Each structure stands twice: as structure tokens, then as C-alpha cells.
PDB file of N, CA and C in Angstrom:
ATOM      1  N   UNK A   1       7.766  -2.462  26.267  1.00  0.00           N
ATOM      2  CA  UNK A   1       7.631  -2.784  24.856  1.00  0.00           C
ATOM      3  C   UNK A   1       7.551  -1.472  24.061  1.00  0.00           C
ATOM      4  N   UNK A   2       8.460  -1.295  23.114  1.00  0.00           N
ATOM      5  CA  UNK A   2       8.414  -0.085  22.298  1.00  0.00           C
ATOM      6  C   UNK A   2       7.452  -0.276  21.115  1.00  0.00           C
ATOM      7  N   UNK A   3       7.274   0.778  20.322  1.00  0.00           N
ATOM      8  CA  UNK A   3       6.309   0.740  19.218  1.00  0.00           C
ATOM      9  C   UNK A   3       6.649  -0.347  18.199  1.00  0.00           C
ATOM     10  N   UNK A   4       7.918  -0.478  17.874  1.00  0.00           N
ATOM     11  CA  UNK A   4       8.334  -1.484  16.897  1.00  0.00           C
ATOM     12  C   UNK A   4       8.031  -2.895  17.402  1.00  0.00           C
ATOM     13  N   UNK A   5       8.284  -3.154  18.671  1.00  0.00           N
ATOM     14  CA  UNK A   5       7.992  -4.460  19.255  1.00  0.00           C
ATOM     15  C   UNK A   5       6.488  -4.727  19.269  1.00  0.00           C
ATOM     16  N   UNK A   6       5.711  -3.711  19.603  1.00  0.00           N
ATOM     17  CA  UNK A   6       4.252  -3.847  19.615  1.00  0.00           C
ATOM     18  C   UNK A   6       3.745  -4.159  18.215  1.00  0.00           C
ATOM     19  N   UNK A   7       4.268  -3.453  17.233  1.00  0.00           N
ATOM     20  CA  UNK A   7       3.855  -3.673  15.846  1.00  0.00           C
ATOM     21  C   UNK A   7       4.194  -5.101  15.400  1.00  0.00           C
ATOM     22  N   UNK A   8       5.364  -5.559  15.784  1.00  0.00           N
ATOM     23  CA  UNK A   8       5.785  -6.916  15.448  1.00  0.00           C
ATOM     24  C   UNK A   8       4.875  -7.955  16.107  1.00  0.00           C
ATOM     25  N   UNK A   9       4.534  -7.728  17.362  1.00  0.00           N
ATOM     26  CA  UNK A   9       3.669  -8.666  18.093  1.00  0.00           C
ATOM     27  C   UNK A   9       2.264  -8.710  17.484  1.00  0.00           C
ATOM     28  N   UNK A  10       1.732  -7.550  17.120  1.00  0.00           N
ATOM     29  CA  UNK A  10       0.413  -7.481  16.482  1.00  0.00           C
ATOM     30  C   UNK A  10       0.440  -8.213  15.142  1.00  0.00           C
ATOM     31  N   UNK A  11       1.487  -7.970  14.360  1.00  0.00           N
ATOM     32  CA  UNK A  11       1.614  -8.613  13.050  1.00  0.00           C
ATOM     33  C   UNK A  11       1.681 -10.130  13.188  1.00  0.00           C
ATOM     34  N   UNK A  12       2.468 -10.617  14.125  1.00  0.00           N
ATOM     35  CA  UNK A  12       2.598 -12.059  14.341  1.00  0.00           C
ATOM     36  C   UNK A  12       1.274 -12.668  14.810  1.00  0.00           C
ATOM     37  N   UNK A  13       0.599 -11.984  15.717  1.00  0.00           N
ATOM     38  CA  UNK A  13      -0.686 -12.462  16.232  1.00  0.00           C
ATOM     39  C   UNK A  13      -1.709 -12.577  15.102  1.00  0.00           C
ATOM     40  N   UNK A  14      -1.752 -11.562  14.252  1.00  0.00           N
ATOM     41  CA  UNK A  14      -2.682 -11.592  13.115  1.00  0.00           C
ATOM     42  C   UNK A  14      -2.356 -12.751  12.183  1.00  0.00           C
ATOM     43  N   UNK A  15      -1.085 -12.936  11.892  1.00  0.00           N
ATOM     44  CA  UNK A  15      -0.648 -14.026  11.020  1.00  0.00           C
ATOM     45  C   UNK A  15      -1.069 -15.379  11.590  1.00  0.00           C
ATOM     46  N   UNK A  16      -0.876 -15.557  12.887  1.00  0.00           N
ATOM     47  CA  UNK A  16      -1.243 -16.817  13.550  1.00  0.00           C
ATOM     48  C   UNK A  16      -2.742 -17.098  13.460  1.00  0.00           C
ATOM     49  N   UNK A  17      -3.536 -16.051  13.314  1.00  0.00           N
ATOM     50  CA  UNK A  17      -4.996 -16.204  13.262  1.00  0.00           C
ATOM     51  C   UNK A  17      -5.574 -16.017  11.859  1.00  0.00           C
ATOM     52  N   UNK A  18      -4.707 -16.055  10.870  1.00  0.00           N
ATOM     53  CA  UNK A  18      -5.164 -16.007   9.482  1.00  0.00           C
ATOM     54  C   UNK A  18      -5.685 -14.660   9.018  1.00  0.00           C
ATOM     55  N   UNK A  19      -5.281 -13.604   9.688  1.00  0.00           N
ATOM     56  CA  UNK A  19      -5.703 -12.263   9.294  1.00  0.00           C
ATOM     57  C   UNK A  19      -4.642 -11.625   8.398  1.00  0.00           C
ATOM     58  N   UNK A  20      -5.086 -10.875   7.420  1.00  0.00           N
ATOM     59  CA  UNK A  20      -4.197 -10.131   6.532  1.00  0.00           C
ATOM     60  C   UNK A  20      -3.806  -8.859   7.272  1.00  0.00           C
ATOM     61  N   UNK A  21      -2.528  -8.696   7.542  1.00  0.00           N
ATOM     62  CA  UNK A  21      -2.040  -7.534   8.293  1.00  0.00           C
ATOM     63  C   UNK A  21      -0.843  -6.968   7.564  1.00  0.00           C
ATOM     64  N   UNK A  22      -0.965  -5.721   7.119  1.00  0.00           N
ATOM     65  CA  UNK A  22       0.100  -5.097   6.357  1.00  0.00           C
ATOM     66  C   UNK A  22       0.394  -3.700   6.875  1.00  0.00           C
ATOM     67  N   UNK A  23       1.621  -3.289   6.667  1.00  0.00           N
ATOM     68  CA  UNK A  23       2.018  -1.916   6.958  1.00  0.00           C
ATOM     69  C   UNK A  23       1.236  -1.026   6.007  1.00  0.00           C
ATOM     70  N   UNK A  24       0.652   0.021   6.539  1.00  0.00           N
ATOM     71  CA  UNK A  24      -0.129   0.944   5.725  1.00  0.00           C
ATOM     72  C   UNK A  24       0.644   2.249   5.632  1.00  0.00           C
ATOM     73  N   UNK A  25       0.985   2.629   4.430  1.00  0.00           N
ATOM     74  CA  UNK A  25       1.687   3.896   4.254  1.00  0.00           C
ATOM     75  C   UNK A  25       1.147   4.593   3.012  1.00  0.00           C
ATOM     76  N   UNK A  26       1.213   5.875   3.051  1.00  0.00           N
ATOM     77  CA  UNK A  26       0.778   6.692   1.924  1.00  0.00           C
ATOM     78  C   UNK A  26       1.822   7.792   1.756  1.00  0.00           C
ATOM     79  N   UNK A  27       2.793   7.574   0.880  1.00  0.00           N
ATOM     80  CA  UNK A  27       3.901   8.520   0.744  1.00  0.00           C
ATOM     81  C   UNK A  27       3.477   9.981   0.530  1.00  0.00           C
ATOM     82  N   UNK A  28       2.385  10.202  -0.150  1.00  0.00           N
ATOM     83  CA  UNK A  28       1.938  11.568  -0.418  1.00  0.00           C
ATOM     84  C   UNK A  28       1.010  12.109   0.669  1.00  0.00           C
ATOM     85  N   UNK A  29       0.756  11.283   1.702  1.00  0.00           N
ATOM     86  CA  UNK A  29      -0.201  11.693   2.725  1.00  0.00           C
ATOM     87  C   UNK A  29       0.258  11.203   4.099  1.00  0.00           C
ATOM     88  N   UNK A  30       0.674  12.114   4.935  1.00  0.00           N
ATOM     89  CA  UNK A  30       1.174  11.745   6.261  1.00  0.00           C
ATOM     90  C   UNK A  30       0.023  11.499   7.234  1.00  0.00           C
ATOM     91  N   UNK A  31       0.328  10.753   8.305  1.00  0.00           N
ATOM     92  CA  UNK A  31      -0.622  10.587   9.394  1.00  0.00           C
ATOM     93  C   UNK A  31      -1.516   9.372   9.321  1.00  0.00           C
ATOM     94  N   UNK A  32      -1.383   8.553   8.269  1.00  0.00           N
ATOM     95  CA  UNK A  32      -2.247   7.375   8.174  1.00  0.00           C
ATOM     96  C   UNK A  32      -1.856   6.351   9.238  1.00  0.00           C
ATOM     97  N   UNK A  33      -2.801   5.514   9.699  1.00  0.00           N
ATOM     98  CA  UNK A  33      -2.488   4.508  10.711  1.00  0.00           C
ATOM     99  C   UNK A  33      -1.388   3.540  10.256  1.00  0.00           C
ATOM    100  N   UNK A  34      -0.711   2.940  11.225  1.00  0.00           N
ATOM    101  CA  UNK A  34       0.420   2.049  10.951  1.00  0.00           C
ATOM    102  C   UNK A  34       0.039   0.768  10.224  1.00  0.00           C
ATOM    103  N   UNK A  35      -1.069   0.172  10.619  1.00  0.00           N
ATOM    104  CA  UNK A  35      -1.424  -1.156  10.122  1.00  0.00           C
ATOM    105  C   UNK A  35      -2.847  -1.194   9.602  1.00  0.00           C
ATOM    106  N   UNK A  36      -3.028  -2.039   8.594  1.00  0.00           N
ATOM    107  CA  UNK A  36      -4.364  -2.359   8.104  1.00  0.00           C
ATOM    108  C   UNK A  36      -4.531  -3.863   8.318  1.00  0.00           C
ATOM    109  N   UNK A  37      -5.619  -4.235   8.959  1.00  0.00           N
ATOM    110  CA  UNK A  37      -5.894  -5.638   9.275  1.00  0.00           C
ATOM    111  C   UNK A  37      -7.220  -6.012   8.623  1.00  0.00           C
ATOM    112  N   UNK A  38      -7.215  -7.125   7.883  1.00  0.00           N
ATOM    113  CA  UNK A  38      -8.400  -7.551   7.149  1.00  0.00           C
ATOM    114  C   UNK A  38      -8.637  -9.033   7.403  1.00  0.00           C
ATOM    115  N   UNK A  39      -9.898  -9.392   7.607  1.00  0.00           N
ATOM    116  CA  UNK A  39     -10.256 -10.797   7.770  1.00  0.00           C
ATOM    117  C   UNK A  39     -11.727 -10.934   8.090  1.00  0.00           C
ATOM    118  N   UNK A  40     -12.282 -12.080   7.708  1.00  0.00           N
ATOM    119  CA  UNK A  40     -13.682 -12.383   8.011  1.00  0.00           C
ATOM    120  C   UNK A  40     -14.626 -11.279   7.528  1.00  0.00           C
ATOM    121  N   UNK A  41     -14.297 -10.669   6.396  1.00  0.00           N
ATOM    122  CA  UNK A  41     -15.139  -9.621   5.833  1.00  0.00           C
ATOM    123  C   UNK A  41     -15.081  -8.303   6.575  1.00  0.00           C
ATOM    124  N   UNK A  42     -14.073  -8.135   7.410  1.00  0.00           N
ATOM    125  CA  UNK A  42     -13.934  -6.908   8.203  1.00  0.00           C
ATOM    126  C   UNK A  42     -12.579  -6.275   7.932  1.00  0.00           C
ATOM    127  N   UNK A  43     -12.509  -4.977   8.225  1.00  0.00           N
ATOM    128  CA  UNK A  43     -11.260  -4.239   8.047  1.00  0.00           C
ATOM    129  C   UNK A  43     -11.056  -3.316   9.240  1.00  0.00           C
ATOM    130  N   UNK A  44      -9.808  -3.214   9.684  1.00  0.00           N
ATOM    131  CA  UNK A  44      -9.482  -2.342  10.815  1.00  0.00           C
ATOM    132  C   UNK A  44      -8.159  -1.636  10.523  1.00  0.00           C
ATOM    133  N   UNK A  45      -8.126  -0.349  10.770  1.00  0.00           N
ATOM    134  CA  UNK A  45      -6.900   0.437  10.688  1.00  0.00           C
ATOM    135  C   UNK A  45      -6.423   0.660  12.116  1.00  0.00           C
ATOM    136  N   UNK A  46      -5.152   0.408  12.362  1.00  0.00           N
ATOM    137  CA  UNK A  46      -4.637   0.461  13.731  1.00  0.00           C
ATOM    138  C   UNK A  46      -3.368   1.299  13.805  1.00  0.00           C
ATOM    139  N   UNK A  47      -3.411   2.337  14.615  1.00  0.00           N
ATOM    140  CA  UNK A  47      -2.241   3.165  14.899  1.00  0.00           C
ATOM    141  C   UNK A  47      -1.636   2.661  16.211  1.00  0.00           C
ATOM    142  N   UNK A  48      -0.352   2.359  16.179  1.00  0.00           N
ATOM    143  CA  UNK A  48       0.333   1.817  17.349  1.00  0.00           C
ATOM    144  C   UNK A  48       1.311   2.839  17.917  1.00  0.00           C
ATOM    145  N   UNK A  49       1.345   2.936  19.223  1.00  0.00           N
ATOM    146  CA  UNK A  49       2.216   3.871  19.922  1.00  0.00           C
ATOM    147  C   UNK A  49       2.951   3.154  21.053  1.00  0.00           C
ATOM    148  N   UNK A  50       4.102   3.682  21.418  1.00  0.00           N
ATOM    149  CA  UNK A  50       4.809   3.185  22.593  1.00  0.00           C
ATOM    150  C   UNK A  50       3.959   3.474  23.819  1.00  0.00           C
ATOM    151  N   UNK A  51       4.083   2.652  24.873  1.00  0.00           N
ATOM    152  CA  UNK A  51       3.291   2.878  26.089  1.00  0.00           C
ATOM    153  C   UNK A  51       3.407   4.321  26.592  1.00  0.00           C
ATOM    154  N   UNK A  52       2.258   4.909  26.860  1.00  0.00           N
ATOM    155  CA  UNK A  52       2.200   6.273  27.371  1.00  0.00           C
ATOM    156  C   UNK A  52       2.242   7.354  26.308  1.00  0.00           C
ATOM    157  N   UNK A  53       2.506   6.986  25.064  1.00  0.00           N
ATOM    158  CA  UNK A  53       2.545   7.964  23.976  1.00  0.00           C
ATOM    159  C   UNK A  53       1.156   8.094  23.356  1.00  0.00           C
ATOM    160  N   UNK A  54       0.893   9.254  22.798  1.00  0.00           N
ATOM    161  CA  UNK A  54      -0.400   9.536  22.169  1.00  0.00           C
ATOM    162  C   UNK A  54      -0.187   9.846  20.685  1.00  0.00           C
ATOM    163  N   UNK A  55      -1.216   9.623  19.868  1.00  0.00           N
ATOM    164  CA  UNK A  55      -1.117   9.988  18.447  1.00  0.00           C
ATOM    165  C   UNK A  55      -1.031  11.508  18.285  1.00  0.00           C
ATOM    166  N   UNK A  56      -0.464  11.911  17.168  1.00  0.00           N
ATOM    167  CA  UNK A  56      -0.432  13.338  16.848  1.00  0.00           C
ATOM    168  C   UNK A  56      -1.831  13.791  16.435  1.00  0.00           C
ATOM    169  N   UNK A  57      -2.025  15.093  16.367  1.00  0.00           N
ATOM    170  CA  UNK A  57      -3.315  15.630  15.921  1.00  0.00           C
ATOM    171  C   UNK A  57      -3.617  15.165  14.499  1.00  0.00           C
ATOM    172  N   UNK A  58      -2.595  15.107  13.662  1.00  0.00           N
ATOM    173  CA  UNK A  58      -2.782  14.640  12.291  1.00  0.00           C
ATOM    174  C   UNK A  58      -3.236  13.179  12.266  1.00  0.00           C
ATOM    175  N   UNK A  59      -2.627  12.343  13.096  1.00  0.00           N
ATOM    176  CA  UNK A  59      -3.020  10.932  13.166  1.00  0.00           C
ATOM    177  C   UNK A  59      -4.443  10.787  13.695  1.00  0.00           C
ATOM    178  N   UNK A  60      -4.796  11.565  14.703  1.00  0.00           N
ATOM    179  CA  UNK A  60      -6.166  11.520  15.230  1.00  0.00           C
ATOM    180  C   UNK A  60      -7.168  11.962  14.170  1.00  0.00           C
ATOM    181  N   UNK A  61      -6.802  12.946  13.377  1.00  0.00           N
ATOM    182  CA  UNK A  61      -7.689  13.413  12.313  1.00  0.00           C
ATOM    183  C   UNK A  61      -7.891  12.332  11.258  1.00  0.00           C
ATOM    184  N   UNK A  62      -6.833  11.617  10.903  1.00  0.00           N
ATOM    185  CA  UNK A  62      -6.948  10.521   9.937  1.00  0.00           C
ATOM    186  C   UNK A  62      -7.848   9.415  10.482  1.00  0.00           C
ATOM    187  N   UNK A  63      -7.697   9.089  11.755  1.00  0.00           N
ATOM    188  CA  UNK A  63      -8.560   8.083  12.386  1.00  0.00           C
ATOM    189  C   UNK A  63     -10.015   8.536  12.315  1.00  0.00           C
ATOM    190  N   UNK A  64     -10.245   9.808  12.601  1.00  0.00           N
ATOM    191  CA  UNK A  64     -11.593  10.390  12.520  1.00  0.00           C
ATOM    192  C   UNK A  64     -12.177  10.274  11.112  1.00  0.00           C
ATOM    193  N   UNK A  65     -11.381  10.603  10.109  1.00  0.00           N
ATOM    194  CA  UNK A  65     -11.847  10.548   8.723  1.00  0.00           C
ATOM    195  C   UNK A  65     -12.177   9.122   8.290  1.00  0.00           C
ATOM    196  N   UNK A  66     -11.362   8.173   8.700  1.00  0.00           N
ATOM    197  CA  UNK A  66     -11.622   6.766   8.367  1.00  0.00           C
ATOM    198  C   UNK A  66     -12.930   6.307   9.017  1.00  0.00           C
ATOM    199  N   UNK A  67     -13.113   6.669  10.273  1.00  0.00           N
ATOM    200  CA  UNK A  67     -14.356   6.303  10.972  1.00  0.00           C
ATOM    201  C   UNK A  67     -15.566   6.977  10.328  1.00  0.00           C
ATOM    202  N   UNK A  68     -15.410   8.218   9.926  1.00  0.00           N
ATOM    203  CA  UNK A  68     -16.513   8.942   9.278  1.00  0.00           C
ATOM    204  C   UNK A  68     -16.890   8.300   7.950  1.00  0.00           C
ATOM    205  N   UNK A  69     -15.949   7.606   7.336  1.00  0.00           N
ATOM    206  CA  UNK A  69     -16.217   6.900   6.079  1.00  0.00           C
ATOM    207  C   UNK A  69     -16.874   5.542   6.320  1.00  0.00           C
ATOM    208  N   UNK A  70     -17.102   5.210   7.599  1.00  0.00           N
ATOM    209  CA  UNK A  70     -17.802   3.979   7.935  1.00  0.00           C
ATOM    210  C   UNK A  70     -16.912   2.783   8.223  1.00  0.00           C
ATOM    211  N   UNK A  71     -15.616   3.020   8.372  1.00  0.00           N
ATOM    212  CA  UNK A  71     -14.689   1.928   8.681  1.00  0.00           C
ATOM    213  C   UNK A  71     -14.187   2.063  10.113  1.00  0.00           C
ATOM    214  N   UNK A  72     -13.535   1.022  10.584  1.00  0.00           N
ATOM    215  CA  UNK A  72     -13.009   1.016  11.942  1.00  0.00           C
ATOM    216  C   UNK A  72     -11.559   1.460  11.938  1.00  0.00           C
ATOM    217  N   UNK A  73     -11.254   2.454  12.742  1.00  0.00           N
ATOM    218  CA  UNK A  73      -9.880   2.917  12.923  1.00  0.00           C
ATOM    219  C   UNK A  73      -9.722   3.290  14.392  1.00  0.00           C
ATOM    220  N   UNK A  74      -8.611   2.891  14.973  1.00  0.00           N
ATOM    221  CA  UNK A  74      -8.343   3.205  16.370  1.00  0.00           C
ATOM    222  C   UNK A  74      -6.854   3.208  16.628  1.00  0.00           C
ATOM    223  N   UNK A  75      -6.486   3.625  17.829  1.00  0.00           N
ATOM    224  CA  UNK A  75      -5.077   3.619  18.205  1.00  0.00           C
ATOM    225  C   UNK A  75      -4.936   2.942  19.562  1.00  0.00           C
ATOM    226  N   UNK A  76      -3.732   2.465  19.821  1.00  0.00           N
ATOM    227  CA  UNK A  76      -3.458   1.842  21.105  1.00  0.00           C
ATOM    228  C   UNK A  76      -1.989   2.007  21.448  1.00  0.00           C
ATOM    229  N   UNK A  77      -1.705   1.960  22.742  1.00  0.00           N
ATOM    230  CA  UNK A  77      -0.326   1.992  23.203  1.00  0.00           C
ATOM    231  C   UNK A  77      -0.003   0.764  24.054  1.00  0.00           C
ATOM    232  N   UNK A  78      -0.848  -0.288  23.918  1.00  0.00           N
ATOM    233  CA  UNK A  78      -0.582  -1.498  24.703  1.00  0.00           C
ATOM    234  C   UNK A  78      -0.954  -2.767  23.931  1.00  0.00           C
ATOM    235  N   UNK A  79      -0.200  -3.813  24.185  1.00  0.00           N
ATOM    236  CA  UNK A  79      -0.463  -5.115  23.570  1.00  0.00           C
ATOM    237  C   UNK A  79      -1.823  -5.646  24.012  1.00  0.00           C
ATOM    238  N   UNK A  80      -2.144  -5.509  25.292  1.00  0.00           N
ATOM    239  CA  UNK A  80      -3.403  -6.041  25.812  1.00  0.00           C
ATOM    240  C   UNK A  80      -4.597  -5.408  25.113  1.00  0.00           C
ATOM    241  N   UNK A  81      -4.540  -4.100  24.921  1.00  0.00           N
ATOM    242  CA  UNK A  81      -5.637  -3.407  24.241  1.00  0.00           C
ATOM    243  C   UNK A  81      -5.714  -3.823  22.769  1.00  0.00           C
ATOM    244  N   UNK A  82      -4.571  -3.892  22.111  1.00  0.00           N
ATOM    245  CA  UNK A  82      -4.548  -4.306  20.700  1.00  0.00           C
ATOM    246  C   UNK A  82      -5.150  -5.702  20.549  1.00  0.00           C
ATOM    247  N   UNK A  83      -4.715  -6.630  21.375  1.00  0.00           N
ATOM    248  CA  UNK A  83      -5.208  -8.019  21.315  1.00  0.00           C
ATOM    249  C   UNK A  83      -6.708  -8.067  21.573  1.00  0.00           C
ATOM    250  N   UNK A  84      -7.163  -7.347  22.581  1.00  0.00           N
ATOM    251  CA  UNK A  84      -8.594  -7.332  22.920  1.00  0.00           C
ATOM    252  C   UNK A  84      -9.422  -6.812  21.737  1.00  0.00           C
ATOM    253  N   UNK A  85      -8.968  -5.747  21.094  1.00  0.00           N
ATOM    254  CA  UNK A  85      -9.688  -5.181  19.947  1.00  0.00           C
ATOM    255  C   UNK A  85      -9.680  -6.133  18.755  1.00  0.00           C
ATOM    256  N   UNK A  86      -8.539  -6.745  18.468  1.00  0.00           N
ATOM    257  CA  UNK A  86      -8.455  -7.695  17.358  1.00  0.00           C
ATOM    258  C   UNK A  86      -9.360  -8.883  17.633  1.00  0.00           C
ATOM    259  N   UNK A  87      -9.292  -9.426  18.828  1.00  0.00           N
ATOM    260  CA  UNK A  87     -10.130 -10.575  19.194  1.00  0.00           C
ATOM    261  C   UNK A  87     -11.604 -10.237  19.048  1.00  0.00           C
ATOM    262  N   UNK A  88     -12.017  -9.068  19.538  1.00  0.00           N
ATOM    263  CA  UNK A  88     -13.422  -8.669  19.500  1.00  0.00           C
ATOM    264  C   UNK A  88     -13.873  -8.379  18.067  1.00  0.00           C
ATOM    265  N   UNK A  89     -13.106  -7.585  17.335  1.00  0.00           N
ATOM    266  CA  UNK A  89     -13.508  -7.159  15.992  1.00  0.00           C
ATOM    267  C   UNK A  89     -13.497  -8.293  14.973  1.00  0.00           C
ATOM    268  N   UNK A  90     -12.630  -9.290  15.196  1.00  0.00           N
ATOM    269  CA  UNK A  90     -12.531 -10.397  14.239  1.00  0.00           C
ATOM    270  C   UNK A  90     -13.039 -11.718  14.824  1.00  0.00           C
ATOM    271  N   UNK A  91     -13.750 -11.624  15.942  1.00  0.00           N
ATOM    272  CA  UNK A  91     -14.398 -12.785  16.584  1.00  0.00           C
ATOM    273  C   UNK A  91     -13.427 -13.954  16.771  1.00  0.00           C
ATOM    274  N   UNK A  92     -12.278 -13.669  17.365  1.00  0.00           N
ATOM    275  CA  UNK A  92     -11.284 -14.726  17.605  1.00  0.00           C
ATOM    276  C   UNK A  92     -11.522 -15.385  18.954  1.00  0.00           C
TER     277      UNK A  92
END
């Protein structure tokens, strides 16, 4: 499963469970996570990678900054991990 397929699967899964899931982009600021997921009074930023790939230093720094601001941000390179985190964080 490549990154685009993983992103599509995550988006569909969120939709099926009533979660707001949108592409997150900031044209003037590179490195932001791919997706923002909102539901049940919670918010999660999710960076998705192809299996075996890692985020860039810039992406890791953005994840760090989001977490330091008190929000949840993480990255994954697998569907199983993404699903487990979504299920746990949004009590599915």
C-alpha cells in the first residue's frame, strides 16, 4: 500500500465513523501533517508515509510543535497503526 492508498483508506474509514477528516495544507508553511481528523471533541493531526518510509526532519519538527501546543500529532506508515490510533483516540 503506497502513501496515497493509505491516505484514501484512512479518509474512508473516518467518513464511515462520522469523523471529520480533511487534507491539511499550509501553502506558506511546509512540513505540516497530511490529515486533520476531528470528532467527539478531539482533534488529531496525522502524517502518513509509505511502508518503511520515515517523516522528514521538518515534518517531525511540526509534529513536535503541535504536541507542545497540547494537541495530538503523530505519523504512521501502516494501515493497522493508523486504524489502531484512530480507534483508540476517538473511542471507536
